[in-house]
PDB file of all heavy atoms in Angstrom:
ATOM      1  N   THR A   1       6.082 -13.577  12.116  1.00  0.00           N
ATOM      2  CA  THR A   1       6.640 -12.312  12.579  1.00  0.00           C
ATOM      3  C   THR A   1       8.131 -12.258  12.292  1.00  0.00           C
ATOM      4  O   THR A   1       8.821 -13.279  12.314  1.00  0.00           O
ATOM      5  CB  THR A   1       6.406 -12.110  14.085  1.00  0.00           C
ATOM      6  OG1 THR A   1       7.067 -13.159  14.815  1.00  0.00           O
ATOM      7  CG2 THR A   1       4.916 -12.134  14.401  1.00  0.00           C
ATOM      8  N   HIS A   2       8.606 -11.053  12.009  1.00  0.00           N
ATOM      9  CA  HIS A   2      10.025 -10.805  11.794  1.00  0.00           C
ATOM     10  C   HIS A   2      10.380  -9.461  12.411  1.00  0.00           C
ATOM     11  O   HIS A   2       9.500  -8.657  12.751  1.00  0.00           O
ATOM     12  CB  HIS A   2      10.356 -10.759  10.296  1.00  0.00           C
ATOM     13  CG  HIS A   2      10.207 -12.057   9.580  1.00  0.00           C
ATOM     14  ND1 HIS A   2      10.941 -13.174   9.892  1.00  0.00           N
ATOM     15  CD2 HIS A   2       9.406 -12.426   8.544  1.00  0.00           C
ATOM     16  CE1 HIS A   2      10.616 -14.174   9.097  1.00  0.00           C
ATOM     17  NE2 HIS A   2       9.676 -13.741   8.273  1.00  0.00           N
ATOM     18  N   THR A   3      11.662  -9.188  12.527  1.00  0.00           N
ATOM     19  CA  THR A   3      12.079  -7.845  12.903  1.00  0.00           C
ATOM     20  C   THR A   3      11.834  -6.912  11.728  1.00  0.00           C
ATOM     21  O   THR A   3      11.662  -7.344  10.581  1.00  0.00           O
ATOM     22  CB  THR A   3      13.565  -7.806  13.272  1.00  0.00           C
ATOM     23  OG1 THR A   3      14.346  -8.081  12.094  1.00  0.00           O
ATOM     24  CG2 THR A   3      13.893  -8.831  14.356  1.00  0.00           C
ATOM     25  N   ALA A   4      11.837  -5.618  12.020  1.00  0.00           N
ATOM     26  CA  ALA A   4      11.672  -4.637  10.948  1.00  0.00           C
ATOM     27  C   ALA A   4      12.756  -4.792   9.889  1.00  0.00           C
ATOM     28  O   ALA A   4      12.476  -4.726   8.681  1.00  0.00           O
ATOM     29  CB  ALA A   4      11.680  -3.227  11.533  1.00  0.00           C
ATOM     30  N   ALA A   5      13.975  -5.022  10.331  1.00  0.00           N
ATOM     31  CA  ALA A   5      15.082  -5.167   9.384  1.00  0.00           C
ATOM     32  C   ALA A   5      14.919  -6.408   8.526  1.00  0.00           C
ATOM     33  O   ALA A   5      15.222  -6.390   7.324  1.00  0.00           O
ATOM     34  CB  ALA A   5      16.409  -5.218  10.136  1.00  0.00           C
ATOM     35  N   GLN A   6      14.440  -7.502   9.120  1.00  0.00           N
ATOM     36  CA  GLN A   6      14.231  -8.723   8.336  1.00  0.00           C
ATOM     37  C   GLN A   6      13.145  -8.527   7.286  1.00  0.00           C
ATOM     38  O   GLN A   6      13.303  -8.945   6.132  1.00  0.00           O
ATOM     39  CB  GLN A   6      13.870  -9.878   9.272  1.00  0.00           C
ATOM     40  CG  GLN A   6      15.029 -10.386  10.101  1.00  0.00           C
ATOM     41  CD  GLN A   6      14.592 -11.368  11.186  1.00  0.00           C
ATOM     42  OE1 GLN A   6      13.455 -11.327  11.679  1.00  0.00           O
ATOM     43  NE2 GLN A   6      15.495 -12.253  11.574  1.00  0.00           N
ATOM     44  N   TRP A   7      12.061  -7.877   7.657  1.00  0.00           N
ATOM     45  CA  TRP A   7      11.009  -7.580   6.684  1.00  0.00           C
ATOM     46  C   TRP A   7      11.550  -6.658   5.586  1.00  0.00           C
ATOM     47  O   TRP A   7      11.276  -6.838   4.407  1.00  0.00           O
ATOM     48  CB  TRP A   7       9.814  -6.911   7.347  1.00  0.00           C
ATOM     49  CG  TRP A   7       8.860  -7.799   8.073  1.00  0.00           C
ATOM     50  CD1 TRP A   7       8.500  -7.711   9.389  1.00  0.00           C
ATOM     51  CD2 TRP A   7       8.090  -8.880   7.527  1.00  0.00           C
ATOM     52  NE1 TRP A   7       7.569  -8.672   9.697  1.00  0.00           N
ATOM     53  CE2 TRP A   7       7.295  -9.396   8.579  1.00  0.00           C
ATOM     54  CE3 TRP A   7       8.006  -9.463   6.266  1.00  0.00           C
ATOM     55  CZ2 TRP A   7       6.423 -10.468   8.389  1.00  0.00           C
ATOM     56  CZ3 TRP A   7       7.132 -10.522   6.079  1.00  0.00           C
ATOM     57  CH2 TRP A   7       6.355 -11.021   7.123  1.00  0.00           C
ATOM     58  N   GLY A   8      12.306  -5.643   6.004  1.00  0.00           N
ATOM     59  CA  GLY A   8      12.850  -4.706   5.033  1.00  0.00           C
ATOM     60  C   GLY A   8      13.804  -5.368   4.055  1.00  0.00           C
ATOM     61  O   GLY A   8      13.758  -5.108   2.852  1.00  0.00           O
ATOM     62  N   ASP A   9      14.662  -6.259   4.579  1.00  0.00           N
ATOM     63  CA  ASP A   9      15.586  -6.986   3.705  1.00  0.00           C
ATOM     64  C   ASP A   9      14.828  -7.851   2.704  1.00  0.00           C
ATOM     65  O   ASP A   9      15.238  -8.000   1.547  1.00  0.00           O
ATOM     66  CB  ASP A   9      16.526  -7.858   4.529  1.00  0.00           C
ATOM     67  CG  ASP A   9      17.580  -7.046   5.273  1.00  0.00           C
ATOM     68  OD1 ASP A   9      17.762  -5.862   4.941  1.00  0.00           O
ATOM     69  OD2 ASP A   9      18.201  -7.605   6.193  1.00  0.00           O
ATOM     70  N   MET A  10      13.708  -8.418   3.155  1.00  0.00           N
ATOM     71  CA  MET A  10      12.891  -9.246   2.267  1.00  0.00           C
ATOM     72  C   MET A  10      12.385  -8.410   1.089  1.00  0.00           C
ATOM     73  O   MET A  10      12.516  -8.804  -0.077  1.00  0.00           O
ATOM     74  CB  MET A  10      11.719  -9.840   3.054  1.00  0.00           C
ATOM     75  CG  MET A  10      10.923 -10.886   2.320  1.00  0.00           C
ATOM     76  SD  MET A  10       9.549 -11.544   3.324  1.00  0.00           S
ATOM     77  CE  MET A  10      10.440 -12.270   4.707  1.00  0.00           C
ATOM     78  N   THR A  11      11.827  -7.253   1.394  1.00  0.00           N
ATOM     79  CA  THR A  11      11.326  -6.388   0.330  1.00  0.00           C
ATOM     80  C   THR A  11      12.447  -5.942  -0.607  1.00  0.00           C
ATOM     81  O   THR A  11      12.292  -5.969  -1.832  1.00  0.00           O
ATOM     82  CB  THR A  11      10.619  -5.163   0.933  1.00  0.00           C
ATOM     83  OG1 THR A  11       9.400  -5.584   1.556  1.00  0.00           O
ATOM     84  CG2 THR A  11      10.293  -4.124  -0.130  1.00  0.00           C
ATOM     85  N   ARG A  12      13.563  -5.542  -0.042  1.00  0.00           N
ATOM     86  CA  ARG A  12      14.679  -5.083  -0.880  1.00  0.00           C
ATOM     87  C   ARG A  12      15.199  -6.196  -1.789  1.00  0.00           C
ATOM     88  O   ARG A  12      15.668  -5.933  -2.903  1.00  0.00           O
ATOM     89  CB  ARG A  12      15.796  -4.525   0.003  1.00  0.00           C
ATOM     90  CG  ARG A  12      15.470  -3.140   0.582  1.00  0.00           C
ATOM     91  CD  ARG A  12      16.611  -2.589   1.393  1.00  0.00           C
ATOM     92  NE  ARG A  12      16.722  -3.243   2.695  1.00  0.00           N
ATOM     93  CZ  ARG A  12      16.116  -2.835   3.797  1.00  0.00           C
ATOM     94  NH1 ARG A  12      15.315  -1.773   3.767  1.00  0.00           N
ATOM     95  NH2 ARG A  12      16.282  -3.481   4.942  1.00  0.00           N
ATOM     96  N   SER A  13      15.080  -7.438  -1.335  1.00  0.00           N
ATOM     97  CA  SER A  13      15.575  -8.562  -2.146  1.00  0.00           C
ATOM     98  C   SER A  13      14.740  -8.790  -3.391  1.00  0.00           C
ATOM     99  O   SER A  13      15.202  -9.428  -4.342  1.00  0.00           O
ATOM    100  CB  SER A  13      15.592  -9.849  -1.308  1.00  0.00           C
ATOM    101  OG  SER A  13      14.284 -10.370  -1.109  1.00  0.00           O
ATOM    102  N   TYR A  14      13.526  -8.267  -3.423  1.00  0.00           N
ATOM    103  CA  TYR A  14      12.641  -8.499  -4.565  1.00  0.00           C
ATOM    104  C   TYR A  14      12.952  -7.575  -5.747  1.00  0.00           C
ATOM    105  O   TYR A  14      12.450  -7.793  -6.848  1.00  0.00           O
ATOM    106  CB  TYR A  14      11.176  -8.339  -4.147  1.00  0.00           C
ATOM    107  CG  TYR A  14      10.740  -9.354  -3.110  1.00  0.00           C
ATOM    108  CD1 TYR A  14       9.913  -8.989  -2.047  1.00  0.00           C
ATOM    109  CD2 TYR A  14      11.169 -10.679  -3.180  1.00  0.00           C
ATOM    110  CE1 TYR A  14       9.513  -9.917  -1.111  1.00  0.00           C
ATOM    111  CE2 TYR A  14      10.780 -11.606  -2.229  1.00  0.00           C
ATOM    112  CZ  TYR A  14       9.959 -11.217  -1.194  1.00  0.00           C
ATOM    113  OH  TYR A  14       9.573 -12.139  -0.241  1.00  0.00           O
ATOM    114  N   TYR A  15      13.765  -6.546  -5.500  1.00  0.00           N
ATOM    115  CA  TYR A  15      14.217  -5.668  -6.589  1.00  0.00           C
ATOM    116  C   TYR A  15      15.686  -5.342  -6.324  1.00  0.00           C
ATOM    117  O   TYR A  15      16.033  -4.222  -5.939  1.00  0.00           O
ATOM    118  CB  TYR A  15      13.368  -4.401  -6.637  1.00  0.00           C
ATOM    119  CG  TYR A  15      13.501  -3.580  -7.909  1.00  0.00           C
ATOM    120  CD1 TYR A  15      12.619  -2.533  -8.157  1.00  0.00           C
ATOM    121  CD2 TYR A  15      14.499  -3.835  -8.861  1.00  0.00           C
ATOM    122  CE1 TYR A  15      12.726  -1.764  -9.310  1.00  0.00           C
ATOM    123  CE2 TYR A  15      14.606  -3.077 -10.012  1.00  0.00           C
ATOM    124  CZ  TYR A  15      13.726  -2.040 -10.230  1.00  0.00           C
ATOM    125  OH  TYR A  15      13.839  -1.272 -11.373  1.00  0.00           O
ATOM    126  N   PRO A  16      16.560  -6.299  -6.545  1.00  0.00           N
ATOM    127  CA  PRO A  16      17.977  -6.116  -6.226  1.00  0.00           C
ATOM    128  C   PRO A  16      18.572  -4.925  -6.982  1.00  0.00           C
ATOM    129  O   PRO A  16      18.303  -4.723  -8.163  1.00  0.00           O
ATOM    130  CB  PRO A  16      18.614  -7.431  -6.691  1.00  0.00           C
ATOM    131  CG  PRO A  16      17.493  -8.415  -6.741  1.00  0.00           C
ATOM    132  CD  PRO A  16      16.281  -7.630  -7.111  1.00  0.00           C
ATOM    133  N   GLY A  17      19.345  -4.143  -6.267  1.00  0.00           N
ATOM    134  CA  GLY A  17      20.034  -3.025  -6.891  1.00  0.00           C
ATOM    135  C   GLY A  17      19.223  -1.751  -7.003  1.00  0.00           C
ATOM    136  O   GLY A  17      19.758  -0.713  -7.416  1.00  0.00           O
ATOM    137  N   TYR A  18      17.957  -1.790  -6.632  1.00  0.00           N
ATOM    138  CA  TYR A  18      17.133  -0.585  -6.738  1.00  0.00           C
ATOM    139  C   TYR A  18      17.495   0.386  -5.615  1.00  0.00           C
ATOM    140  O   TYR A  18      17.460   0.034  -4.433  1.00  0.00           O
ATOM    141  CB  TYR A  18      15.646  -0.927  -6.661  1.00  0.00           C
ATOM    142  CG  TYR A  18      14.756   0.288  -6.750  1.00  0.00           C
ATOM    143  CD1 TYR A  18      14.543   0.926  -7.966  1.00  0.00           C
ATOM    144  CD2 TYR A  18      14.153   0.822  -5.612  1.00  0.00           C
ATOM    145  CE1 TYR A  18      13.745   2.058  -8.053  1.00  0.00           C
ATOM    146  CE2 TYR A  18      13.344   1.945  -5.690  1.00  0.00           C
ATOM    147  CZ  TYR A  18      13.145   2.556  -6.916  1.00  0.00           C
ATOM    148  OH  TYR A  18      12.344   3.677  -6.997  1.00  0.00           O
ATOM    149  N   ASN A  19      17.797   1.611  -5.984  1.00  0.00           N
ATOM    150  CA  ASN A  19      18.188   2.633  -5.008  1.00  0.00           C
ATOM    151  C   ASN A  19      17.344   3.893  -5.122  1.00  0.00           C
ATOM    152  O   ASN A  19      17.702   4.930  -4.558  1.00  0.00           O
ATOM    153  CB  ASN A  19      19.671   2.994  -5.182  1.00  0.00           C
ATOM    154  CG  ASN A  19      20.585   1.833  -4.838  1.00  0.00           C
ATOM    155  OD1 ASN A  19      20.428   1.211  -3.794  1.00  0.00           O
ATOM    156  ND2 ASN A  19      21.526   1.533  -5.723  1.00  0.00           N
ATOM    157  N   GLY A  20      16.230   3.806  -5.839  1.00  0.00           N
ATOM    158  CA  GLY A  20      15.395   4.982  -6.045  1.00  0.00           C
ATOM    159  C   GLY A  20      14.407   5.214  -4.921  1.00  0.00           C
ATOM    160  O   GLY A  20      14.453   4.578  -3.861  1.00  0.00           O
ATOM    161  N   THR A  21      13.489   6.126  -5.158  1.00  0.00           N
ATOM    162  CA  THR A  21      12.462   6.475  -4.178  1.00  0.00           C
ATOM    163  C   THR A  21      11.526   5.295  -3.961  1.00  0.00           C
ATOM    164  O   THR A  21      11.130   4.603  -4.905  1.00  0.00           O
ATOM    165  CB  THR A  21      11.664   7.695  -4.669  1.00  0.00           C
ATOM    166  OG1 THR A  21      12.568   8.777  -4.882  1.00  0.00           O
ATOM    167  CG2 THR A  21      10.607   8.104  -3.655  1.00  0.00           C
ATOM    168  N   ARG A  22      11.146   5.083  -2.711  1.00  0.00           N
ATOM    169  CA  ARG A  22      10.243   3.996  -2.359  1.00  0.00           C
ATOM    170  C   ARG A  22       8.794   4.490  -2.256  1.00  0.00           C
ATOM    171  O   ARG A  22       8.524   5.669  -2.010  1.00  0.00           O
ATOM    172  CB  ARG A  22      10.669   3.364  -1.035  1.00  0.00           C
ATOM    173  CG  ARG A  22      11.935   2.516  -1.155  1.00  0.00           C
ATOM    174  CD  ARG A  22      11.629   1.185  -1.781  1.00  0.00           C
ATOM    175  NE  ARG A  22      12.842   0.372  -1.994  1.00  0.00           N
ATOM    176  CZ  ARG A  22      12.811  -0.871  -2.455  1.00  0.00           C
ATOM    177  NH1 ARG A  22      11.664  -1.441  -2.751  1.00  0.00           N
ATOM    178  NH2 ARG A  22      13.937  -1.542  -2.634  1.00  0.00           N
ATOM    179  N   THR A  23       7.885   3.570  -2.450  1.00  0.00           N
ATOM    180  CA  THR A  23       6.452   3.850  -2.433  1.00  0.00           C
ATOM    181  C   THR A  23       5.983   4.298  -1.049  1.00  0.00           C
ATOM    182  O   THR A  23       6.275   3.642  -0.045  1.00  0.00           O
ATOM    183  CB  THR A  23       5.670   2.586  -2.840  1.00  0.00           C
ATOM    184  OG1 THR A  23       6.189   2.098  -4.084  1.00  0.00           O
ATOM    185  CG2 THR A  23       4.188   2.870  -2.977  1.00  0.00           C
ATOM    186  N   ARG A  24       5.253   5.398  -0.983  1.00  0.00           N
ATOM    187  CA  ARG A  24       4.612   5.827   0.266  1.00  0.00           C
ATOM    188  C   ARG A  24       3.460   4.874   0.570  1.00  0.00           C
ATOM    189  O   ARG A  24       2.801   4.376  -0.339  1.00  0.00           O
ATOM    190  CB  ARG A  24       4.105   7.263   0.161  1.00  0.00           C
ATOM    191  CG  ARG A  24       5.205   8.289  -0.069  1.00  0.00           C
ATOM    192  CD  ARG A  24       4.633   9.670  -0.386  1.00  0.00           C
ATOM    193  NE  ARG A  24       3.757  10.143   0.663  1.00  0.00           N
ATOM    194  CZ  ARG A  24       2.465  10.442   0.506  1.00  0.00           C
ATOM    195  NH1 ARG A  24       1.871  10.294  -0.691  1.00  0.00           N
ATOM    196  NH2 ARG A  24       1.736  10.895   1.505  1.00  0.00           N
ATOM    197  N   MET A  25       3.206   4.647   1.864  1.00  0.00           N
ATOM    198  CA  MET A  25       2.232   3.626   2.250  1.00  0.00           C
ATOM    199  C   MET A  25       1.201   4.166   3.242  1.00  0.00           C
ATOM    200  O   MET A  25       1.544   4.796   4.246  1.00  0.00           O
ATOM    201  CB  MET A  25       2.949   2.438   2.887  1.00  0.00           C
ATOM    202  CG  MET A  25       3.998   1.760   2.007  1.00  0.00           C
ATOM    203  SD  MET A  25       3.344   1.016   0.494  1.00  0.00           S
ATOM    204  CE  MET A  25       2.268  -0.265   1.175  1.00  0.00           C
ATOM    205  N   GLN A  26      -0.079   3.867   2.966  1.00  0.00           N
ATOM    206  CA  GLN A  26      -1.190   4.104   3.884  1.00  0.00           C
ATOM    207  C   GLN A  26      -1.838   2.756   4.155  1.00  0.00           C
ATOM    208  O   GLN A  26      -2.267   2.073   3.217  1.00  0.00           O
ATOM    209  CB  GLN A  26      -2.192   5.080   3.273  1.00  0.00           C
ATOM    210  CG  GLN A  26      -3.432   5.338   4.122  1.00  0.00           C
ATOM    211  CD  GLN A  26      -4.312   6.412   3.533  1.00  0.00           C
ATOM    212  OE1 GLN A  26      -4.296   7.553   3.961  1.00  0.00           O
ATOM    213  NE2 GLN A  26      -5.091   6.063   2.525  1.00  0.00           N
ATOM    214  N   ILE A  27      -1.919   2.346   5.426  1.00  0.00           N
ATOM    215  CA  ILE A  27      -2.298   0.972   5.776  1.00  0.00           C
ATOM    216  C   ILE A  27      -3.452   0.977   6.772  1.00  0.00           C
ATOM    217  O   ILE A  27      -3.363   1.586   7.845  1.00  0.00           O
ATOM    218  CB  ILE A  27      -1.089   0.216   6.360  1.00  0.00           C
ATOM    219  CG1 ILE A  27       0.034   0.141   5.320  1.00  0.00           C
ATOM    220  CG2 ILE A  27      -1.497  -1.176   6.826  1.00  0.00           C
ATOM    221  CD1 ILE A  27       1.341  -0.400   5.853  1.00  0.00           C
ATOM    222  N   PHE A  28      -4.542   0.279   6.427  1.00  0.00           N
ATOM    223  CA  PHE A  28      -5.701   0.118   7.296  1.00  0.00           C
ATOM    224  C   PHE A  28      -5.822  -1.348   7.729  1.00  0.00           C
ATOM    225  O   PHE A  28      -5.595  -2.253   6.926  1.00  0.00           O
ATOM    226  CB  PHE A  28      -6.998   0.485   6.558  1.00  0.00           C
ATOM    227  CG  PHE A  28      -7.127   1.916   6.132  1.00  0.00           C
ATOM    228  CD1 PHE A  28      -6.556   2.374   4.949  1.00  0.00           C
ATOM    229  CD2 PHE A  28      -7.840   2.826   6.896  1.00  0.00           C
ATOM    230  CE1 PHE A  28      -6.688   3.686   4.527  1.00  0.00           C
ATOM    231  CE2 PHE A  28      -7.986   4.149   6.491  1.00  0.00           C
ATOM    232  CZ  PHE A  28      -7.413   4.579   5.304  1.00  0.00           C
ATOM    233  N   HIS A  29      -6.211  -1.570   8.982  1.00  0.00           N
ATOM    234  CA  HIS A  29      -6.482  -2.944   9.421  1.00  0.00           C
ATOM    235  C   HIS A  29      -7.434  -2.918  10.613  1.00  0.00           C
ATOM    236  O   HIS A  29      -7.347  -2.033  11.469  1.00  0.00           O
ATOM    237  CB  HIS A  29      -5.194  -3.666   9.814  1.00  0.00           C
ATOM    238  CG  HIS A  29      -5.196  -5.117   9.449  1.00  0.00           C
ATOM    239  ND1 HIS A  29      -4.521  -5.611   8.359  1.00  0.00           N
ATOM    240  CD2 HIS A  29      -5.817  -6.191  10.018  1.00  0.00           C
ATOM    241  CE1 HIS A  29      -4.708  -6.918   8.277  1.00  0.00           C
ATOM    242  NE2 HIS A  29      -5.498  -7.284   9.274  1.00  0.00           N
ATOM    243  N   GLY A  30      -8.329  -3.896  10.652  1.00  0.00           N
ATOM    244  CA  GLY A  30      -9.286  -4.003  11.741  1.00  0.00           C
ATOM    245  C   GLY A  30      -8.806  -4.949  12.832  1.00  0.00           C
ATOM    246  O   GLY A  30      -8.263  -6.020  12.541  1.00  0.00           O
ATOM    247  N   THR A  31      -9.049  -4.583  14.079  1.00  0.00           N
ATOM    248  CA  THR A  31      -8.592  -5.409  15.199  1.00  0.00           C
ATOM    249  C   THR A  31      -9.348  -6.734  15.286  1.00  0.00           C
ATOM    250  O   THR A  31      -8.854  -7.690  15.878  1.00  0.00           O
ATOM    251  CB  THR A  31      -8.746  -4.666  16.537  1.00  0.00           C
ATOM    252  OG1 THR A  31     -10.138  -4.406  16.790  1.00  0.00           O
ATOM    253  CG2 THR A  31      -7.974  -3.349  16.529  1.00  0.00           C
ATOM    254  N   ALA A  32     -10.538  -6.795  14.698  1.00  0.00           N
ATOM    255  CA  ALA A  32     -11.359  -8.010  14.767  1.00  0.00           C
ATOM    256  C   ALA A  32     -11.279  -8.834  13.484  1.00  0.00           C
ATOM    257  O   ALA A  32     -12.129  -9.700  13.244  1.00  0.00           O
ATOM    258  CB  ALA A  32     -12.810  -7.643  15.060  1.00  0.00           C
ATOM    259  N   ASP A  33     -10.266  -8.600  12.677  1.00  0.00           N
ATOM    260  CA  ASP A  33     -10.101  -9.333  11.414  1.00  0.00           C
ATOM    261  C   ASP A  33      -9.795 -10.802  11.706  1.00  0.00           C
ATOM    262  O   ASP A  33      -8.796 -11.121  12.350  1.00  0.00           O
ATOM    263  CB  ASP A  33      -8.954  -8.718  10.609  1.00  0.00           C
ATOM    264  CG  ASP A  33      -8.930  -9.169   9.156  1.00  0.00           C
ATOM    265  OD1 ASP A  33      -9.234 -10.344   8.894  1.00  0.00           O
ATOM    266  OD2 ASP A  33      -8.596  -8.338   8.292  1.00  0.00           O
ATOM    267  N   SER A  34     -10.632 -11.683  11.226  1.00  0.00           N
ATOM    268  CA  SER A  34     -10.448 -13.127  11.453  1.00  0.00           C
ATOM    269  C   SER A  34     -10.015 -13.848  10.184  1.00  0.00           C
ATOM    270  O   SER A  34      -9.907 -15.071  10.183  1.00  0.00           O
ATOM    271  CB  SER A  34     -11.738 -13.756  11.992  1.00  0.00           C
ATOM    272  OG  SER A  34     -12.808 -13.588  11.077  1.00  0.00           O
TER     273      SER A  34
END
C-alpha cells in the first residue's frame, strides 16, 4: 500500500517529462479475489 501521491509519483516516473493527456481508466475487481 502507498498514498495516492506515492502511487502517482511512481507512475509519473515511468515516463519522465511527459505532460500530455493521461489515459482514462475503468477498473473492475471482485471482493472475493484470492
